[in-house]
N, C-alpha and C. Protein backbone atom coordinates (compact mmCIF):
# COMPACT_ATOMS: atom_id res chain seq x y z
N MET A 1 3.31 -12.82 -17.69
CA MET A 1 2.03 -12.51 -17.04
C MET A 1 1.52 -11.25 -17.61
N LYS A 2 0.19 -11.08 -17.61
CA LYS A 2 -0.45 -9.84 -18.16
C LYS A 2 -0.76 -8.94 -17.10
N LEU A 3 0.16 -8.22 -16.73
CA LEU A 3 -0.06 -7.34 -15.42
C LEU A 3 -0.21 -5.93 -15.85
N LYS A 4 -0.06 -5.50 -17.05
CA LYS A 4 -0.20 -4.14 -17.60
C LYS A 4 -1.59 -3.71 -17.51
N ASN A 5 -1.81 -2.46 -17.16
CA ASN A 5 -3.14 -1.87 -16.87
C ASN A 5 -3.89 -2.43 -15.57
N LYS A 6 -3.17 -3.04 -14.79
CA LYS A 6 -3.67 -3.60 -13.48
C LYS A 6 -3.22 -2.62 -12.39
N LYS A 7 -4.12 -2.29 -11.39
CA LYS A 7 -3.81 -1.45 -10.30
C LYS A 7 -3.43 -2.18 -9.10
N ALA A 8 -2.57 -1.53 -8.33
CA ALA A 8 -2.06 -2.21 -7.06
C ALA A 8 -1.64 -1.19 -6.13
N ALA A 9 -1.61 -1.64 -4.76
CA ALA A 9 -1.09 -0.72 -3.74
C ALA A 9 -0.69 -1.75 -2.51
N ALA A 10 0.32 -1.22 -1.77
CA ALA A 10 0.86 -1.92 -0.79
C ALA A 10 0.54 -1.35 0.61
N PHE A 11 0.53 -2.28 1.61
CA PHE A 11 0.18 -1.66 2.99
C PHE A 11 0.78 -2.61 4.01
N GLY A 12 1.04 -2.24 5.19
CA GLY A 12 1.44 -2.98 6.22
C GLY A 12 1.85 -2.28 7.40
N SER A 13 2.11 -3.17 8.53
CA SER A 13 2.56 -2.62 9.82
C SER A 13 4.05 -3.06 9.99
N TYR A 14 4.71 -2.38 10.84
CA TYR A 14 6.26 -2.78 10.98
C TYR A 14 6.67 -2.62 12.38
N GLY A 15 7.81 -3.22 12.75
CA GLY A 15 8.40 -2.86 13.92
C GLY A 15 9.57 -2.08 13.94
N TRP A 16 10.56 -2.31 13.00
CA TRP A 16 11.90 -1.44 13.17
C TRP A 16 11.96 -0.58 11.83
N SER A 17 12.28 -1.25 10.92
CA SER A 17 12.80 -0.41 9.58
C SER A 17 11.52 0.02 8.74
N GLY A 18 10.55 -0.82 8.65
CA GLY A 18 9.55 -0.39 7.76
C GLY A 18 9.67 -0.25 6.31
N GLU A 19 10.72 -1.01 5.86
CA GLU A 19 10.99 -1.00 4.34
C GLU A 19 10.17 -1.94 3.51
N GLY A 20 9.46 -2.76 4.12
CA GLY A 20 8.63 -3.82 3.36
C GLY A 20 7.69 -3.32 2.39
N VAL A 21 6.88 -2.18 2.69
CA VAL A 21 5.92 -1.65 1.97
C VAL A 21 6.73 -0.85 0.73
N LYS A 22 7.80 -0.20 1.05
CA LYS A 22 8.62 0.44 0.02
C LYS A 22 9.20 -0.55 -1.01
N LEU A 23 9.69 -1.67 -0.53
CA LEU A 23 10.16 -2.67 -1.39
C LEU A 23 9.03 -3.41 -2.15
N LEU A 24 7.99 -3.66 -1.64
CA LEU A 24 6.82 -4.23 -2.35
C LEU A 24 6.38 -3.37 -3.46
N THR A 25 6.23 -1.99 -3.16
CA THR A 25 5.67 -1.13 -4.06
C THR A 25 6.75 -1.02 -5.26
N GLY A 26 8.02 -1.03 -5.00
CA GLY A 26 8.97 -1.04 -6.17
C GLY A 26 8.87 -2.40 -7.03
N LEU A 27 8.53 -3.48 -6.36
CA LEU A 27 8.35 -4.62 -7.10
C LEU A 27 7.14 -4.67 -7.99
N LEU A 28 6.10 -4.25 -7.31
CA LEU A 28 4.73 -4.11 -8.08
C LEU A 28 4.96 -3.25 -9.38
N GLU A 29 5.64 -2.06 -9.14
CA GLU A 29 5.86 -1.17 -10.19
C GLU A 29 6.77 -1.86 -11.30
N GLY A 30 7.71 -2.56 -10.82
CA GLY A 30 8.74 -3.24 -11.81
C GLY A 30 7.96 -4.41 -12.65
N CYS A 31 6.84 -4.97 -12.00
CA CYS A 31 6.19 -5.98 -12.72
C CYS A 31 5.10 -5.37 -13.72
N GLY A 32 4.95 -4.10 -13.58
CA GLY A 32 4.07 -3.48 -14.63
C GLY A 32 2.62 -2.88 -13.99
N PHE A 33 2.49 -3.16 -12.69
CA PHE A 33 1.30 -2.69 -12.12
C PHE A 33 1.20 -1.08 -12.17
N GLU A 34 0.06 -0.57 -12.20
CA GLU A 34 -0.15 0.87 -11.99
C GLU A 34 -0.32 1.05 -10.58
N LEU A 35 0.55 1.79 -9.91
CA LEU A 35 0.39 2.08 -8.50
C LEU A 35 -0.67 3.11 -8.28
N ILE A 36 -1.51 2.88 -7.26
CA ILE A 36 -2.58 3.81 -6.81
C ILE A 36 -1.96 4.90 -6.09
N ASN A 37 -0.95 4.48 -5.21
CA ASN A 37 -0.27 5.55 -4.37
C ASN A 37 1.09 4.87 -3.92
N ASP A 38 1.69 5.62 -2.96
CA ASP A 38 2.92 5.15 -2.44
C ASP A 38 2.90 4.03 -1.34
N GLY A 39 1.72 3.68 -0.96
CA GLY A 39 1.43 2.65 0.10
C GLY A 39 1.26 3.30 1.48
N ILE A 40 0.91 2.59 2.39
CA ILE A 40 0.65 2.97 3.81
C ILE A 40 1.50 2.09 4.70
N ARG A 41 2.04 2.78 5.60
CA ARG A 41 2.94 2.03 6.79
C ARG A 41 2.42 2.48 8.04
N ILE A 42 2.32 1.60 8.95
CA ILE A 42 1.87 1.86 10.32
C ILE A 42 2.77 1.13 11.26
N GLN A 43 3.30 1.83 12.16
CA GLN A 43 4.33 1.33 13.13
C GLN A 43 3.62 0.58 14.16
N TRP A 44 4.05 -0.79 14.49
CA TRP A 44 3.55 -1.43 15.69
C TRP A 44 2.03 -1.80 15.38
N VAL A 45 1.31 -1.78 16.54
CA VAL A 45 -0.16 -2.07 16.48
C VAL A 45 -0.81 -0.72 16.21
N PRO A 46 -1.70 -0.70 15.18
CA PRO A 46 -2.30 0.62 14.88
C PRO A 46 -3.25 1.05 16.05
N ASP A 47 -3.16 2.40 16.40
CA ASP A 47 -4.20 3.06 17.24
C ASP A 47 -5.36 3.30 16.40
N GLN A 48 -6.41 4.01 17.16
CA GLN A 48 -7.70 4.30 16.48
C GLN A 48 -7.36 5.30 15.40
N ALA A 49 -6.43 6.25 15.58
CA ALA A 49 -6.21 7.21 14.50
C ALA A 49 -5.59 6.47 13.13
N ALA A 50 -4.78 5.50 13.49
CA ALA A 50 -4.11 4.74 12.41
C ALA A 50 -5.28 3.81 11.65
N ILE A 51 -6.09 3.30 12.50
CA ILE A 51 -7.23 2.55 11.86
C ILE A 51 -8.04 3.34 10.97
N GLU A 52 -8.41 4.56 11.31
CA GLU A 52 -9.16 5.50 10.47
C GLU A 52 -8.33 5.92 9.23
N HIS A 53 -7.12 6.08 9.32
CA HIS A 53 -6.27 6.39 8.17
C HIS A 53 -6.20 5.19 7.15
N CYS A 54 -6.31 3.99 7.74
CA CYS A 54 -6.33 2.76 6.92
C CYS A 54 -7.69 2.62 6.16
N ARG A 55 -8.70 3.00 6.81
CA ARG A 55 -9.98 3.03 6.24
C ARG A 55 -10.00 4.03 5.15
N GLU A 56 -9.50 5.16 5.17
CA GLU A 56 -9.47 6.16 4.14
C GLU A 56 -8.53 5.71 3.05
N TYR A 57 -7.53 4.94 3.42
CA TYR A 57 -6.61 4.31 2.39
C TYR A 57 -7.43 3.35 1.64
N GLY A 58 -8.30 2.64 2.21
CA GLY A 58 -9.20 1.51 1.58
C GLY A 58 -10.18 2.25 0.58
N ARG A 59 -10.70 3.44 1.04
CA ARG A 59 -11.58 4.11 0.19
C ARG A 59 -10.88 4.87 -1.06
N GLU A 60 -9.61 5.10 -0.93
CA GLU A 60 -8.92 5.77 -1.96
C GLU A 60 -8.61 4.55 -2.99
N ILE A 61 -8.34 3.40 -2.59
CA ILE A 61 -8.12 2.32 -3.41
C ILE A 61 -9.51 1.97 -4.01
N ALA A 62 -10.59 2.01 -3.42
CA ALA A 62 -11.82 1.72 -4.07
C ALA A 62 -12.24 2.65 -5.04
N LYS A 63 -11.91 3.97 -4.94
CA LYS A 63 -12.20 5.05 -5.89
C LYS A 63 -11.34 4.87 -7.13
N ALA A 64 -10.12 4.36 -6.93
CA ALA A 64 -9.17 4.22 -8.17
C ALA A 64 -9.64 3.11 -9.02
N LEU A 65 -10.50 2.13 -8.45
CA LEU A 65 -10.86 0.98 -9.28
C LEU A 65 -11.98 1.38 -10.09
């Protein structure tokens, strides 16, 4: 697969350990993606502050593209 020079980022919400984003970020990097950042993790259901953080995260991804 031609994944070199492609950008990627992981995000998600979690209940207990929150390791999914970290694992996915490692897999993306191992496949040759250029990571935009370390990813975003939100525990349980996001509150208003977390939602705004997610929006800023989306803006950061858009700027990187």
